[in-house]
Amino acid sequence: MNTLKLFVLLTPLLLLNGCILTKVVTVPMRLGGAVISIIPVVGNTAHDSIDEAAEIVDDVPI
């Protein structure tokens, strides 16, 4: 039974590698940036900064 639990815990870790893992991180960042961009004066600047950070996370070689 312990081997089965270990297998169930390790399987998602193997599936969440590379591109999928970075998308799990960057999609909420981009969504937050889109919501912030609605603010009149500083919204676009904040959105651009968040989008740039998300691009850097996407480029991480995992």
N, C-alpha and C. Protein backbone atom coordinates (compact mmCIF):
# COMPACT_ATOMS: atom_id res chain seq x y z
N MET A 1 0.81 -1.20 0.00
CA MET A 1 0.00 0.00 0.00
C MET A 1 0.86 1.26 0.00
N ASN A 2 2.00 1.25 0.70
CA ASN A 2 2.87 2.41 0.74
C ASN A 2 3.49 2.69 -0.62
N THR A 3 3.78 1.65 -1.37
CA THR A 3 4.33 1.83 -2.71
C THR A 3 3.31 2.50 -3.62
N LEU A 4 2.06 2.14 -3.48
CA LEU A 4 1.01 2.75 -4.28
C LEU A 4 0.87 4.24 -3.95
N LYS A 5 0.94 4.58 -2.68
CA LYS A 5 0.85 5.98 -2.28
C LYS A 5 2.03 6.78 -2.84
N LEU A 6 3.20 6.20 -2.78
CA LEU A 6 4.38 6.86 -3.33
C LEU A 6 4.25 7.06 -4.83
N PHE A 7 3.74 6.06 -5.51
CA PHE A 7 3.54 6.17 -6.96
C PHE A 7 2.53 7.27 -7.29
N VAL A 8 1.45 7.33 -6.52
CA VAL A 8 0.42 8.35 -6.76
C VAL A 8 0.98 9.75 -6.49
N LEU A 9 1.87 9.89 -5.53
CA LEU A 9 2.46 11.19 -5.24
C LEU A 9 3.51 11.61 -6.27
N LEU A 10 4.25 10.67 -6.80
CA LEU A 10 5.33 11.01 -7.73
C LEU A 10 4.86 11.17 -9.17
N THR A 11 3.77 10.56 -9.53
CA THR A 11 3.29 10.65 -10.91
C THR A 11 2.97 12.08 -11.33
N PRO A 12 2.25 12.87 -10.53
CA PRO A 12 2.01 14.26 -10.95
C PRO A 12 3.29 15.08 -11.08
N LEU A 13 4.29 14.79 -10.25
CA LEU A 13 5.55 15.52 -10.35
C LEU A 13 6.24 15.24 -11.68
N LEU A 14 6.14 14.03 -12.16
CA LEU A 14 6.74 13.70 -13.45
C LEU A 14 5.97 14.33 -14.60
N LEU A 15 4.67 14.46 -14.44
CA LEU A 15 3.85 15.04 -15.50
C LEU A 15 3.96 16.56 -15.54
N LEU A 16 4.20 17.17 -14.38
CA LEU A 16 4.28 18.63 -14.32
C LEU A 16 5.72 19.10 -14.52
N ASN A 17 6.30 18.78 -15.63
CA ASN A 17 7.65 19.24 -15.89
C ASN A 17 7.66 20.17 -17.09
N GLY A 18 8.71 20.90 -17.22
CA GLY A 18 8.92 21.74 -18.40
C GLY A 18 7.86 22.79 -18.61
N CYS A 19 7.33 22.79 -19.77
CA CYS A 19 6.42 23.83 -20.23
C CYS A 19 5.16 23.90 -19.37
N ILE A 20 4.64 22.78 -18.97
CA ILE A 20 3.40 22.78 -18.20
C ILE A 20 3.61 23.45 -16.85
N LEU A 21 4.73 23.18 -16.21
CA LEU A 21 5.01 23.77 -14.91
C LEU A 21 5.15 25.28 -15.00
N THR A 22 5.83 25.78 -16.02
CA THR A 22 5.97 27.23 -16.14
C THR A 22 4.65 27.89 -16.49
N LYS A 23 3.79 27.21 -17.23
CA LYS A 23 2.48 27.78 -17.54
C LYS A 23 1.61 27.86 -16.30
N VAL A 24 1.74 26.89 -15.40
CA VAL A 24 0.98 26.93 -14.15
C VAL A 24 1.37 28.16 -13.34
N VAL A 25 2.61 28.57 -13.45
CA VAL A 25 3.08 29.75 -12.72
C VAL A 25 2.72 31.04 -13.45
N THR A 26 2.89 31.07 -14.77
CA THR A 26 2.75 32.33 -15.49
C THR A 26 1.32 32.72 -15.83
N VAL A 27 0.43 31.77 -15.96
CA VAL A 27 -0.96 32.13 -16.31
C VAL A 27 -1.59 33.01 -15.23
N PRO A 28 -1.47 32.68 -13.93
CA PRO A 28 -2.02 33.60 -12.93
C PRO A 28 -1.33 34.97 -12.93
N MET A 29 -0.02 34.98 -13.24
CA MET A 29 0.68 36.26 -13.33
C MET A 29 0.10 37.11 -14.45
N ARG A 30 -0.11 36.50 -15.59
CA ARG A 30 -0.64 37.25 -16.74
C ARG A 30 -2.08 37.69 -16.49
N LEU A 31 -2.85 36.86 -15.82
CA LEU A 31 -4.23 37.23 -15.49
C LEU A 31 -4.26 38.42 -14.53
N GLY A 32 -3.38 38.39 -13.54
CA GLY A 32 -3.28 39.53 -12.63
C GLY A 32 -2.86 40.80 -13.34
N GLY A 33 -1.93 40.66 -14.28
CA GLY A 33 -1.51 41.82 -15.06
C GLY A 33 -2.63 42.39 -15.91
N ALA A 34 -3.46 41.52 -16.44
CA ALA A 34 -4.59 41.98 -17.25
C ALA A 34 -5.60 42.73 -16.39
N VAL A 35 -5.82 42.25 -15.18
CA VAL A 35 -6.76 42.93 -14.28
C VAL A 35 -6.19 44.28 -13.85
N ILE A 36 -4.90 44.32 -13.56
CA ILE A 36 -4.26 45.56 -13.13
C ILE A 36 -4.23 46.59 -14.26
N SER A 37 -4.18 46.15 -15.50
CA SER A 37 -4.08 47.10 -16.62
C SER A 37 -5.32 47.97 -16.76
N ILE A 38 -6.38 47.66 -16.06
CA ILE A 38 -7.60 48.47 -16.11
C ILE A 38 -7.42 49.79 -15.35
N ILE A 39 -6.53 49.83 -14.36
CA ILE A 39 -6.29 51.04 -13.57
C ILE A 39 -5.77 52.14 -14.49
N PRO A 40 -6.37 53.32 -14.47
CA PRO A 40 -6.09 54.35 -15.48
C PRO A 40 -4.63 54.76 -15.67
N VAL A 41 -3.94 55.24 -14.68
CA VAL A 41 -2.62 55.85 -14.92
C VAL A 41 -1.49 54.83 -14.89
N VAL A 42 -1.45 54.00 -13.89
CA VAL A 42 -0.32 53.09 -13.72
C VAL A 42 -0.60 51.67 -14.19
N GLY A 43 -1.77 51.43 -14.69
CA GLY A 43 -2.16 50.07 -15.06
C GLY A 43 -1.31 49.45 -16.15
N ASN A 44 -1.07 50.19 -17.22
CA ASN A 44 -0.29 49.63 -18.33
C ASN A 44 1.16 49.40 -17.94
N THR A 45 1.73 50.28 -17.13
CA THR A 45 3.11 50.09 -16.68
C THR A 45 3.22 48.84 -15.83
N ALA A 46 2.29 48.66 -14.91
CA ALA A 46 2.31 47.46 -14.06
C ALA A 46 2.09 46.21 -14.89
N HIS A 47 1.17 46.28 -15.85
CA HIS A 47 0.91 45.13 -16.72
C HIS A 47 2.15 44.76 -17.51
N ASP A 48 2.85 45.75 -18.05
CA ASP A 48 4.07 45.47 -18.82
C ASP A 48 5.14 44.83 -17.95
N SER A 49 5.27 45.29 -16.71
CA SER A 49 6.27 44.72 -15.80
C SER A 49 5.94 43.27 -15.46
N ILE A 50 4.68 43.00 -15.18
CA ILE A 50 4.26 41.64 -14.85
C ILE A 50 4.42 40.73 -16.06
N ASP A 51 4.09 41.23 -17.24
CA ASP A 51 4.23 40.44 -18.46
C ASP A 51 5.69 40.13 -18.74
N GLU A 52 6.57 41.09 -18.49
CA GLU A 52 8.00 40.86 -18.69
C GLU A 52 8.52 39.79 -17.72
N ALA A 53 8.06 39.84 -16.47
CA ALA A 53 8.46 38.83 -15.49
C ALA A 53 7.94 37.46 -15.89
N ALA A 54 6.73 37.40 -16.42
CA ALA A 54 6.17 36.12 -16.87
C ALA A 54 6.96 35.56 -18.05
N GLU A 55 7.43 36.43 -18.93
CA GLU A 55 8.27 35.97 -20.05
C GLU A 55 9.57 35.37 -19.54
N ILE A 56 10.15 35.97 -18.51
CA ILE A 56 11.39 35.43 -17.94
C ILE A 56 11.14 34.06 -17.33
N VAL A 57 10.02 33.90 -16.64
CA VAL A 57 9.69 32.60 -16.05
C VAL A 57 9.46 31.57 -17.15
N ASP A 58 8.84 31.98 -18.26
CA ASP A 58 8.63 31.06 -19.38
C ASP A 58 9.94 30.58 -19.97
N ASP A 59 10.97 31.41 -19.91
CA ASP A 59 12.26 31.05 -20.50
C ASP A 59 13.14 30.20 -19.60
N VAL A 60 12.69 29.92 -18.38
CA VAL A 60 13.48 29.10 -17.45
C VAL A 60 13.61 27.69 -18.04
N PRO A 61 14.83 27.20 -18.16
CA PRO A 61 15.03 25.87 -18.78
C PRO A 61 14.78 24.73 -17.80
N ILE A 62 13.53 24.37 -17.64
CA ILE A 62 13.18 23.25 -16.75
C ILE A 62 12.98 22.02 -17.60
